[in-house]
Amino acid sequence: MKLPKRWKMPKLRIATDRDCEMDRVIELTWFNSFDAARYLRKTVNALLIMVNRGYVRPRKFRRRLYFRRSELDRLLESSRFQ
């Protein structure tokens, strides 16, 4: 049985593409909002909510937010699974 075009599965991205992008992100000391969200495996909106609640303290430079990797690591290490 042949499926109609609209039912066909979309092509999947190869996992190695994402791994290469993450290698580039991990090498950085300062992250912009997009890279910090990717490092935490969150959305940019979720990251901005964490900033608003005071979980993470960004630095602002020329109307952009930057995050230090050591502070993001500390956030991950201090979080607990309940």
Foldseek 3Di string as FASTA:
>chain_A
DDDDPVPDDDDDDDVVVVVVVLVVLVPDQKDWLCSLCVVVVHHSVVVVVCVVVPLAPWDDDPNTTIGGPVSSVVSVVPDDDD
